[in-house]
Amino acid sequence: MADLAAAAARLTRAVDRLEAAAAAQRGRGSETRRRMAGELASAQAEFAELTRHTEGVSERLDGAIDLIKTALEG
């Protein structure tokens, strides 16, 4: 009977350790998701800024091309 009680106690401790490990893993997963969400938001903001910058450069290049065409035709 003592062996059975000892085995039950070991099983209970093992289950407790597994539950603690699972809880810790869930916590790390949440932290990772929050970090990744922040990095995604930052990347999206950078992409939007680069898109605006690219559009401005494109407009300036189009203007320069038009000036050159006008100069070559005239």
N, C-alpha and C. Protein backbone atom coordinates (compact mmCIF):
# COMPACT_ATOMS: atom_id res chain seq x y z
N MET A 1 0.81 -1.19 0.00
CA MET A 1 0.00 0.00 0.00
C MET A 1 0.86 1.26 0.00
N ALA A 2 1.98 1.20 0.69
CA ALA A 2 2.89 2.35 0.74
C ALA A 2 3.47 2.62 -0.65
N ASP A 3 3.73 1.56 -1.41
CA ASP A 3 4.24 1.74 -2.77
C ASP A 3 3.23 2.46 -3.65
N LEU A 4 1.96 2.09 -3.47
CA LEU A 4 0.89 2.72 -4.24
C LEU A 4 0.78 4.21 -3.89
N ALA A 5 0.86 4.53 -2.63
CA ALA A 5 0.79 5.93 -2.19
C ALA A 5 1.99 6.72 -2.71
N ALA A 6 3.17 6.10 -2.68
CA ALA A 6 4.37 6.77 -3.19
C ALA A 6 4.25 7.01 -4.69
N ALA A 7 3.73 6.01 -5.41
CA ALA A 7 3.55 6.16 -6.86
C ALA A 7 2.54 7.25 -7.17
N ALA A 8 1.46 7.31 -6.41
CA ALA A 8 0.45 8.35 -6.60
C ALA A 8 1.04 9.72 -6.33
N ALA A 9 1.86 9.84 -5.33
CA ALA A 9 2.50 11.12 -5.00
C ALA A 9 3.44 11.54 -6.12
N ARG A 10 4.22 10.58 -6.64
CA ARG A 10 5.13 10.90 -7.76
C ARG A 10 4.32 11.33 -8.99
N LEU A 11 3.23 10.64 -9.25
CA LEU A 11 2.38 10.99 -10.39
C LEU A 11 1.81 12.39 -10.23
N THR A 12 1.36 12.71 -9.04
CA THR A 12 0.82 14.05 -8.77
C THR A 12 1.88 15.12 -8.99
N ARG A 13 3.10 14.87 -8.50
CA ARG A 13 4.19 15.85 -8.70
C ARG A 13 4.51 15.99 -10.19
N ALA A 14 4.52 14.87 -10.91
CA ALA A 14 4.82 14.91 -12.34
C ALA A 14 3.75 15.70 -13.10
N VAL A 15 2.49 15.48 -12.76
CA VAL A 15 1.40 16.22 -13.41
C VAL A 15 1.51 17.70 -13.08
N ASP A 16 1.85 18.03 -11.84
CA ASP A 16 2.03 19.43 -11.45
C ASP A 16 3.15 20.08 -12.27
N ARG A 17 4.25 19.37 -12.45
CA ARG A 17 5.37 19.90 -13.25
C ARG A 17 4.94 20.10 -14.70
N LEU A 18 4.20 19.15 -15.24
CA LEU A 18 3.72 19.28 -16.63
C LEU A 18 2.78 20.47 -16.78
N GLU A 19 1.88 20.65 -15.83
CA GLU A 19 0.97 21.79 -15.88
C GLU A 19 1.73 23.11 -15.79
N ALA A 20 2.74 23.16 -14.93
CA ALA A 20 3.54 24.38 -14.80
C ALA A 20 4.31 24.67 -16.08
N ALA A 21 4.85 23.62 -16.69
CA ALA A 21 5.58 23.81 -17.95
C ALA A 21 4.65 24.28 -19.06
N ALA A 22 3.44 23.71 -19.11
CA ALA A 22 2.47 24.13 -20.13
C ALA A 22 2.07 25.59 -19.93
N ALA A 23 1.85 25.99 -18.69
CA ALA A 23 1.50 27.38 -18.41
C ALA A 23 2.63 28.33 -18.80
N ALA A 24 3.86 27.94 -18.51
CA ALA A 24 5.01 28.77 -18.89
C ALA A 24 5.12 28.89 -20.40
N GLN A 25 4.87 27.79 -21.10
CA GLN A 25 4.94 27.81 -22.56
C GLN A 25 3.87 28.73 -23.14
N ARG A 26 2.67 28.68 -22.59
CA ARG A 26 1.60 29.58 -23.06
C ARG A 26 2.00 31.03 -22.83
N GLY A 27 2.62 31.31 -21.70
CA GLY A 27 3.07 32.67 -21.41
C GLY A 27 4.10 33.15 -22.41
N ARG A 28 5.05 32.29 -22.75
CA ARG A 28 6.07 32.66 -23.73
C ARG A 28 5.43 32.85 -25.10
N GLY A 29 4.43 32.05 -25.43
CA GLY A 29 3.75 32.18 -26.71
C GLY A 29 3.05 33.52 -26.83
N SER A 30 2.41 33.97 -25.75
CA SER A 30 1.72 35.27 -25.77
C SER A 30 2.73 36.39 -25.94
N GLU A 31 3.84 36.28 -25.23
CA GLU A 31 4.87 37.31 -25.33
C GLU A 31 5.42 37.36 -26.75
N THR A 32 5.64 36.20 -27.34
CA THR A 32 6.15 36.14 -28.71
C THR A 32 5.16 36.76 -29.69
N ARG A 33 3.87 36.45 -29.50
CA ARG A 33 2.85 37.02 -30.40
C ARG A 33 2.80 38.54 -30.26
N ARG A 34 2.90 39.05 -29.03
CA ARG A 34 2.89 40.51 -28.84
C ARG A 34 4.11 41.15 -29.50
N ARG A 35 5.28 40.52 -29.32
CA ARG A 35 6.50 41.05 -29.92
C ARG A 35 6.39 41.05 -31.44
N MET A 36 5.89 39.95 -31.99
CA MET A 36 5.77 39.84 -33.44
C MET A 36 4.74 40.83 -33.99
N ALA A 37 3.67 41.06 -33.24
CA ALA A 37 2.66 42.04 -33.66
C ALA A 37 3.28 43.44 -33.70
N GLY A 38 4.10 43.75 -32.72
CA GLY A 38 4.79 45.04 -32.71
C GLY A 38 5.76 45.18 -33.87
N GLU A 39 6.49 44.11 -34.16
CA GLU A 39 7.42 44.15 -35.29
C GLU A 39 6.67 44.28 -36.61
N LEU A 40 5.51 43.62 -36.72
CA LEU A 40 4.71 43.73 -37.94
C LEU A 40 4.21 45.16 -38.11
N ALA A 41 3.70 45.76 -37.05
CA ALA A 41 3.22 47.13 -37.12
C ALA A 41 4.35 48.08 -37.52
N SER A 42 5.52 47.86 -36.98
CA SER A 42 6.67 48.69 -37.33
C SER A 42 7.04 48.52 -38.80
N ALA A 43 7.04 47.28 -39.26
CA ALA A 43 7.37 47.02 -40.67
C ALA A 43 6.33 47.63 -41.59
N GLN A 44 5.04 47.57 -41.20
CA GLN A 44 3.99 48.17 -42.02
C GLN A 44 4.15 49.68 -42.09
N ALA A 45 4.49 50.30 -40.98
CA ALA A 45 4.70 51.75 -40.97
C ALA A 45 5.89 52.12 -41.85
N GLU A 46 6.96 51.34 -41.75
CA GLU A 46 8.13 51.60 -42.59
C GLU A 46 7.79 51.42 -44.06
N PHE A 47 7.01 50.39 -44.38
CA PHE A 47 6.59 50.16 -45.77
C PHE A 47 5.78 51.34 -46.29
N ALA A 48 4.85 51.85 -45.47
CA ALA A 48 4.03 52.99 -45.88
C ALA A 48 4.90 54.22 -46.14
N GLU A 49 5.88 54.44 -45.27
CA GLU A 49 6.79 55.59 -45.45
C GLU A 49 7.61 55.42 -46.73
N LEU A 50 8.13 54.24 -46.96
CA LEU A 50 8.91 53.99 -48.17
C LEU A 50 8.06 54.11 -49.43
N THR A 51 6.80 53.70 -49.34
CA THR A 51 5.89 53.83 -50.48
C THR A 51 5.68 55.30 -50.82
N ARG A 52 5.44 56.13 -49.79
CA ARG A 52 5.28 57.57 -50.03
C ARG A 52 6.55 58.17 -50.64
N HIS A 53 7.68 57.77 -50.11
CA HIS A 53 8.95 58.28 -50.61
C HIS A 53 9.15 57.85 -52.07
N THR A 54 8.85 56.62 -52.39
CA THR A 54 9.01 56.10 -53.74
C THR A 54 8.09 56.83 -54.72
N GLU A 55 6.86 57.11 -54.28
CA GLU A 55 5.94 57.85 -55.14
C GLU A 55 6.47 59.25 -55.44
N GLY A 56 7.05 59.90 -54.42
CA GLY A 56 7.63 61.23 -54.63
C GLY A 56 8.79 61.19 -55.60
N VAL A 57 9.65 60.20 -55.46
CA VAL A 57 10.79 60.06 -56.36
C VAL A 57 10.30 59.79 -57.78
N SER A 58 9.29 58.95 -57.90
CA SER A 58 8.74 58.62 -59.22
C SER A 58 8.19 59.87 -59.91
N GLU A 59 7.47 60.70 -59.14
CA GLU A 59 6.93 61.95 -59.71
C GLU A 59 8.06 62.88 -60.15
N ARG A 60 9.11 62.97 -59.37
CA ARG A 60 10.24 63.84 -59.73
C ARG A 60 10.94 63.31 -60.98
N LEU A 61 11.10 61.99 -61.07
CA LEU A 61 11.71 61.41 -62.26
C LEU A 61 10.86 61.66 -63.50
N ASP A 62 9.54 61.49 -63.37
CA ASP A 62 8.64 61.77 -64.50
C ASP A 62 8.79 63.21 -64.95
N GLY A 63 8.87 64.14 -64.00
CA GLY A 63 9.06 65.55 -64.35
C GLY A 63 10.38 65.78 -65.07
N ALA A 64 11.44 65.15 -64.58
CA ALA A 64 12.76 65.31 -65.22
C ALA A 64 12.74 64.73 -66.63
N ILE A 65 12.09 63.59 -66.80
CA ILE A 65 12.00 62.97 -68.13
C ILE A 65 11.23 63.89 -69.08
N ASP A 66 10.14 64.47 -68.59
CA ASP A 66 9.38 65.40 -69.45
C ASP A 66 10.22 66.61 -69.84
N LEU A 67 11.00 67.16 -68.89
CA LEU A 67 11.87 68.30 -69.21
C LEU A 67 12.90 67.93 -70.27
N ILE A 68 13.48 66.76 -70.14
CA ILE A 68 14.49 66.31 -71.10
C ILE A 68 13.87 66.11 -72.47
N LYS A 69 12.68 65.50 -72.51
CA LYS A 69 11.98 65.32 -73.79
C LYS A 69 11.69 66.65 -74.44
N THR A 70 11.22 67.60 -73.66
CA THR A 70 10.91 68.93 -74.18
C THR A 70 12.17 69.59 -74.73
N ALA A 71 13.27 69.46 -74.00
CA ALA A 71 14.54 70.08 -74.43
C ALA A 71 15.04 69.41 -75.71
N LEU A 72 14.88 68.12 -75.83
CA LEU A 72 15.36 67.41 -77.03
C LEU A 72 14.48 67.69 -78.23
N GLU A 73 13.18 67.93 -78.02
CA GLU A 73 12.27 68.21 -79.12
C GLU A 73 12.37 69.66 -79.59
N GLY A 74 12.76 70.55 -78.70
CA GLY A 74 12.75 71.97 -79.01
C GLY A 74 14.00 72.48 -79.59
